[in-house]
């Protein structure tokens, strides 16, 4: 059912998805660099990190 041409098509589709993901990462990094650290509610951020940490510790591996 799959021939060599289909494999090439799949490779091109994967490359396209990878490039799009890399572009989104670059855009997210640019947005992150613009965040003013003084505007962040530190106590809320620490509470979220504590909650995330405790949920990950209790999860079986």
PDB file of N, CA and C in Angstrom:
ATOM      1  N   UNK A   1       0.819  -1.187   0.000  1.00  0.00           N
ATOM      2  CA  UNK A   1       0.000   0.000   0.000  1.00  0.00           C
ATOM      3  C   UNK A   1       0.873   1.265   0.000  1.00  0.00           C
ATOM      4  N   UNK A   2       1.974   1.256   0.750  1.00  0.00           N
ATOM      5  CA  UNK A   2       2.877   2.403   0.744  1.00  0.00           C
ATOM      6  C   UNK A   2       3.982   2.154  -0.273  1.00  0.00           C
ATOM      7  N   UNK A   3       4.252   3.160  -1.064  1.00  0.00           N
ATOM      8  CA  UNK A   3       5.382   3.043  -1.979  1.00  0.00           C
ATOM      9  C   UNK A   3       6.411   4.112  -1.629  1.00  0.00           C
ATOM     10  N   UNK A   4       7.468   4.199  -2.394  1.00  0.00           N
ATOM     11  CA  UNK A   4       8.540   5.137  -2.088  1.00  0.00           C
ATOM     12  C   UNK A   4       8.070   6.581  -2.141  1.00  0.00           C
ATOM     13  N   UNK A   5       7.176   6.908  -3.063  1.00  0.00           N
ATOM     14  CA  UNK A   5       6.692   8.283  -3.183  1.00  0.00           C
ATOM     15  C   UNK A   5       5.921   8.711  -1.939  1.00  0.00           C
ATOM     16  N   UNK A   6       5.181   7.804  -1.360  1.00  0.00           N
ATOM     17  CA  UNK A   6       4.436   8.125  -0.142  1.00  0.00           C
ATOM     18  C   UNK A   6       5.392   8.414   1.009  1.00  0.00           C
ATOM     19  N   UNK A   7       6.486   7.673   1.072  1.00  0.00           N
ATOM     20  CA  UNK A   7       7.497   7.911   2.107  1.00  0.00           C
ATOM     21  C   UNK A   7       8.085   9.306   2.001  1.00  0.00           C
ATOM     22  N   UNK A   8       8.308   9.753   0.772  1.00  0.00           N
ATOM     23  CA  UNK A   8       8.832  11.104   0.554  1.00  0.00           C
ATOM     24  C   UNK A   8       7.805  12.136   1.021  1.00  0.00           C
ATOM     25  N   UNK A   9       6.544  11.890   0.735  1.00  0.00           N
ATOM     26  CA  UNK A   9       5.482  12.800   1.164  1.00  0.00           C
ATOM     27  C   UNK A   9       5.389  12.892   2.671  1.00  0.00           C
ATOM     28  N   UNK A  10       5.541  11.754   3.331  1.00  0.00           N
ATOM     29  CA  UNK A  10       5.499  11.740   4.790  1.00  0.00           C
ATOM     30  C   UNK A  10       6.688  12.503   5.351  1.00  0.00           C
ATOM     31  N   UNK A  11       7.873  12.305   4.777  1.00  0.00           N
ATOM     32  CA  UNK A  11       9.062  13.028   5.225  1.00  0.00           C
ATOM     33  C   UNK A  11       8.884  14.536   5.066  1.00  0.00           C
ATOM     34  N   UNK A  12       8.316  14.967   3.945  1.00  0.00           N
ATOM     35  CA  UNK A  12       8.091  16.396   3.725  1.00  0.00           C
ATOM     36  C   UNK A  12       7.084  16.948   4.725  1.00  0.00           C
ATOM     37  N   UNK A  13       6.055  16.176   5.031  1.00  0.00           N
ATOM     38  CA  UNK A  13       5.058  16.625   6.003  1.00  0.00           C
ATOM     39  C   UNK A  13       5.674  16.749   7.391  1.00  0.00           C
ATOM     40  N   UNK A  14       6.513  15.789   7.761  1.00  0.00           N
ATOM     41  CA  UNK A  14       7.174  15.857   9.069  1.00  0.00           C
ATOM     42  C   UNK A  14       8.117  17.047   9.146  1.00  0.00           C
ATOM     43  N   UNK A  15       8.866  17.302   8.095  1.00  0.00           N
ATOM     44  CA  UNK A  15       9.768  18.462   8.075  1.00  0.00           C
ATOM     45  C   UNK A  15       8.979  19.752   8.228  1.00  0.00           C
ATOM     46  N   UNK A  16       7.850  19.823   7.584  1.00  0.00           N
ATOM     47  CA  UNK A  16       7.008  21.016   7.681  1.00  0.00           C
ATOM     48  C   UNK A  16       6.515  21.225   9.110  1.00  0.00           C
ATOM     49  N   UNK A  17       6.083  20.146   9.745  1.00  0.00           N
ATOM     50  CA  UNK A  17       5.605  20.247  11.131  1.00  0.00           C
ATOM     51  C   UNK A  17       6.733  20.642  12.077  1.00  0.00           C
ATOM     52  N   UNK A  18       7.933  20.101  11.842  1.00  0.00           N
ATOM     53  CA  UNK A  18       9.083  20.438  12.691  1.00  0.00           C
ATOM     54  C   UNK A  18       9.439  21.914  12.532  1.00  0.00           C
ATOM     55  N   UNK A  19       9.449  22.409  11.294  1.00  0.00           N
ATOM     56  CA  UNK A  19       9.762  23.823  11.072  1.00  0.00           C
ATOM     57  C   UNK A  19       8.726  24.721  11.740  1.00  0.00           C
ATOM     58  N   UNK A  20       7.457  24.352  11.655  1.00  0.00           N
ATOM     59  CA  UNK A  20       6.404  25.138  12.285  1.00  0.00           C
ATOM     60  C   UNK A  20       6.569  25.146  13.803  1.00  0.00           C
ATOM     61  N   UNK A  21       6.898  24.009  14.372  1.00  0.00           N
ATOM     62  CA  UNK A  21       7.113  23.934  15.820  1.00  0.00           C
ATOM     63  C   UNK A  21       8.314  24.774  16.230  1.00  0.00           C
ATOM     64  N   UNK A  22       9.379  24.749  15.448  1.00  0.00           N
ATOM     65  CA  UNK A  22      10.557  25.564  15.753  1.00  0.00           C
ATOM     66  C   UNK A  22      10.223  27.049  15.692  1.00  0.00           C
ATOM     67  N   UNK A  23       9.386  27.428  14.743  1.00  0.00           N
ATOM     68  CA  UNK A  23       8.968  28.819  14.626  1.00  0.00           C
ATOM     69  C   UNK A  23       8.148  29.233  15.851  1.00  0.00           C
ATOM     70  N   UNK A  24       7.252  28.350  16.298  1.00  0.00           N
ATOM     71  CA  UNK A  24       6.450  28.670  17.489  1.00  0.00           C
ATOM     72  C   UNK A  24       7.325  28.800  18.723  1.00  0.00           C
ATOM     73  N   UNK A  25       8.356  27.971  18.839  1.00  0.00           N
ATOM     74  CA  UNK A  25       9.280  28.066  19.980  1.00  0.00           C
ATOM     75  C   UNK A  25      10.012  29.402  19.946  1.00  0.00           C
ATOM     76  N   UNK A  26      10.489  29.804  18.774  1.00  0.00           N
ATOM     77  CA  UNK A  26      11.186  31.083  18.657  1.00  0.00           C
ATOM     78  C   UNK A  26      10.268  32.248  19.024  1.00  0.00           C
ATOM     79  N   UNK A  27       9.011  32.188  18.587  1.00  0.00           N
ATOM     80  CA  UNK A  27       8.052  33.244  18.922  1.00  0.00           C
ATOM     81  C   UNK A  27       7.770  33.271  20.420  1.00  0.00           C
ATOM     82  N   UNK A  28       7.649  32.107  21.028  1.00  0.00           N
ATOM     83  CA  UNK A  28       7.394  32.036  22.468  1.00  0.00           C
ATOM     84  C   UNK A  28       8.585  32.587  23.251  1.00  0.00           C
ATOM     85  N   UNK A  29       9.795  32.291  22.797  1.00  0.00           N
ATOM     86  CA  UNK A  29      10.991  32.826  23.453  1.00  0.00           C
ATOM     87  C   UNK A  29      11.019  34.351  23.362  1.00  0.00           C
ATOM     88  N   UNK A  30      10.635  34.881  22.214  1.00  0.00           N
ATOM     89  CA  UNK A  30      10.607  36.335  22.046  1.00  0.00           C
ATOM     90  C   UNK A  30       9.583  36.970  22.983  1.00  0.00           C
ATOM     91  N   UNK A  31       8.405  36.335  23.107  1.00  0.00           N
ATOM     92  CA  UNK A  31       7.377  36.860  24.030  1.00  0.00           C
ATOM     93  C   UNK A  31       7.862  36.766  25.463  1.00  0.00           C
ATOM     94  N   UNK A  32       8.525  35.685  25.813  1.00  0.00           N
ATOM     95  CA  UNK A  32       9.020  35.493  27.173  1.00  0.00           C
ATOM     96  C   UNK A  32      10.066  36.553  27.529  1.00  0.00           C
ATOM     97  N   UNK A  33      10.896  36.916  26.565  1.00  0.00           N
ATOM     98  CA  UNK A  33      11.931  37.918  26.813  1.00  0.00           C
ATOM     99  C   UNK A  33      11.326  39.289  27.080  1.00  0.00           C
ATOM    100  N   UNK A  34      10.093  39.527  26.622  1.00  0.00           N
ATOM    101  CA  UNK A  34       9.443  40.833  26.800  1.00  0.00           C
ATOM    102  C   UNK A  34       8.700  40.948  28.125  1.00  0.00           C
ATOM    103  N   UNK A  35       8.575  39.871  28.884  1.00  0.00           N
ATOM    104  CA  UNK A  35       7.829  39.903  30.140  1.00  0.00           C
ATOM    105  C   UNK A  35       8.613  40.703  31.169  1.00  0.00           C
ATOM    106  N   UNK A  36       7.926  41.629  31.821  1.00  0.00           N
ATOM    107  CA  UNK A  36       8.538  42.444  32.865  1.00  0.00           C
ATOM    108  C   UNK A  36       8.511  41.650  34.166  1.00  0.00           C
ATOM    109  N   UNK A  37       9.672  41.288  34.714  1.00  0.00           N
ATOM    110  CA  UNK A  37       9.699  40.486  35.942  1.00  0.00           C
ATOM    111  C   UNK A  37       8.992  41.163  37.112  1.00  0.00           C
ATOM    112  N   UNK A  38       8.961  42.493  37.136  1.00  0.00           N
ATOM    113  CA  UNK A  38       8.316  43.205  38.236  1.00  0.00           C
ATOM    114  C   UNK A  38       6.796  43.043  38.202  1.00  0.00           C
ATOM    115  N   UNK A  39       6.243  42.694  37.041  1.00  0.00           N
ATOM    116  CA  UNK A  39       4.791  42.580  36.919  1.00  0.00           C
ATOM    117  C   UNK A  39       4.263  41.199  37.308  1.00  0.00           C
ATOM    118  N   UNK A  40       5.151  40.268  37.601  1.00  0.00           N
ATOM    119  CA  UNK A  40       4.741  38.898  37.912  1.00  0.00           C
ATOM    120  C   UNK A  40       4.368  38.791  39.388  1.00  0.00           C
ATOM    121  N   UNK A  41       3.228  38.154  39.656  1.00  0.00           N
ATOM    122  CA  UNK A  41       2.815  37.891  41.038  1.00  0.00           C
ATOM    123  C   UNK A  41       3.613  36.680  41.518  1.00  0.00           C
ATOM    124  N   UNK A  42       4.663  36.938  42.261  1.00  0.00           N
ATOM    125  CA  UNK A  42       5.592  35.878  42.659  1.00  0.00           C
ATOM    126  C   UNK A  42       4.937  34.838  43.563  1.00  0.00           C
ATOM    127  N   UNK A  43       4.065  35.255  44.459  1.00  0.00           N
ATOM    128  CA  UNK A  43       3.454  34.285  45.371  1.00  0.00           C
ATOM    129  C   UNK A  43       2.557  33.311  44.608  1.00  0.00           C
ATOM    130  N   UNK A  44       1.826  33.804  43.612  1.00  0.00           N
ATOM    131  CA  UNK A  44       0.978  32.921  42.812  1.00  0.00           C
ATOM    132  C   UNK A  44       1.834  31.962  41.985  1.00  0.00           C
ATOM    133  N   UNK A  45       2.938  32.472  41.443  1.00  0.00           N
ATOM    134  CA  UNK A  45       3.826  31.622  40.649  1.00  0.00           C
ATOM    135  C   UNK A  45       4.445  30.530  41.517  1.00  0.00           C
ATOM    136  N   UNK A  46       4.867  30.889  42.720  1.00  0.00           N
ATOM    137  CA  UNK A  46       5.451  29.888  43.617  1.00  0.00           C
ATOM    138  C   UNK A  46       4.414  28.850  44.039  1.00  0.00           C
ATOM    139  N   UNK A  47       3.179  29.277  44.268  1.00  0.00           N
ATOM    140  CA  UNK A  47       2.126  28.331  44.634  1.00  0.00           C
ATOM    141  C   UNK A  47       1.869  27.343  43.493  1.00  0.00           C
ATOM    142  N   UNK A  48       1.876  27.836  42.256  1.00  0.00           N
ATOM    143  CA  UNK A  48       1.685  26.946  41.106  1.00  0.00           C
ATOM    144  C   UNK A  48       2.829  25.950  40.996  1.00  0.00           C
ATOM    145  N   UNK A  49       4.054  26.426  41.199  1.00  0.00           N
ATOM    146  CA  UNK A  49       5.200  25.523  41.122  1.00  0.00           C
ATOM    147  C   UNK A  49       5.153  24.469  42.228  1.00  0.00           C
ATOM    148  N   UNK A  50       4.769  24.873  43.441  1.00  0.00           N
ATOM    149  CA  UNK A  50       4.648  23.911  44.541  1.00  0.00           C
ATOM    150  C   UNK A  50       3.604  22.846  44.229  1.00  0.00           C
ATOM    151  N   UNK A  51       2.479  23.275  43.667  1.00  0.00           N
ATOM    152  CA  UNK A  51       1.411  22.329  43.326  1.00  0.00           C
ATOM    153  C   UNK A  51       1.874  21.362  42.240  1.00  0.00           C
ATOM    154  N   UNK A  52       2.560  21.899  41.242  1.00  0.00           N
ATOM    155  CA  UNK A  52       3.072  21.054  40.163  1.00  0.00           C
ATOM    156  C   UNK A  52       4.100  20.066  40.699  1.00  0.00           C
ATOM    157  N   UNK A  53       4.983  20.523  41.565  1.00  0.00           N
ATOM    158  CA  UNK A  53       6.021  19.676  42.133  1.00  0.00           C
ATOM    159  C   UNK A  53       5.400  18.541  42.941  1.00  0.00           C
ATOM    160  N   UNK A  54       4.404  18.862  43.774  1.00  0.00           N
ATOM    161  CA  UNK A  54       3.813  17.822  44.625  1.00  0.00           C
ATOM    162  C   UNK A  54       3.013  16.815  43.784  1.00  0.00           C
ATOM    163  N   UNK A  55       2.363  17.271  42.721  1.00  0.00           N
ATOM    164  CA  UNK A  55       1.605  16.329  41.874  1.00  0.00           C
ATOM    165  C   UNK A  55       2.566  15.412  41.114  1.00  0.00           C
ATOM    166  N   UNK A  56       3.719  15.912  40.704  1.00  0.00           N
ATOM    167  CA  UNK A  56       4.689  15.076  39.991  1.00  0.00           C
ATOM    168  C   UNK A  56       5.376  14.079  40.921  1.00  0.00           C
ATOM    169  N   UNK A  57       5.582  14.455  42.173  1.00  0.00           N
ATOM    170  CA  UNK A  57       6.229  13.542  43.114  1.00  0.00           C
ATOM    171  C   UNK A  57       5.319  12.371  43.446  1.00  0.00           C
ATOM    172  N   UNK A  58       4.017  12.590  43.466  1.00  0.00           N
ATOM    173  CA  UNK A  58       3.094  11.522  43.859  1.00  0.00           C
ATOM    174  C   UNK A  58       2.737  10.607  42.688  1.00  0.00           C
ATOM    175  N   UNK A  59       3.071  11.038  41.457  1.00  0.00           N
ATOM    176  CA  UNK A  59       2.747  10.241  40.275  1.00  0.00           C
ATOM    177  C   UNK A  59       3.731   9.064  40.164  1.00  0.00           C
ATOM    178  N   UNK A  60       3.221   7.838  39.982  1.00  0.00           N
ATOM    179  CA  UNK A  60       4.131   6.691  39.819  1.00  0.00           C
ATOM    180  C   UNK A  60       4.875   6.784  38.497  1.00  0.00           C
ATOM    181  N   UNK A  61       6.108   6.312  38.504  1.00  0.00           N
ATOM    182  CA  UNK A  61       6.925   6.370  37.279  1.00  0.00           C
ATOM    183  C   UNK A  61       6.900   5.078  36.542  1.00  0.00           C
TER     184      UNK A  61
END
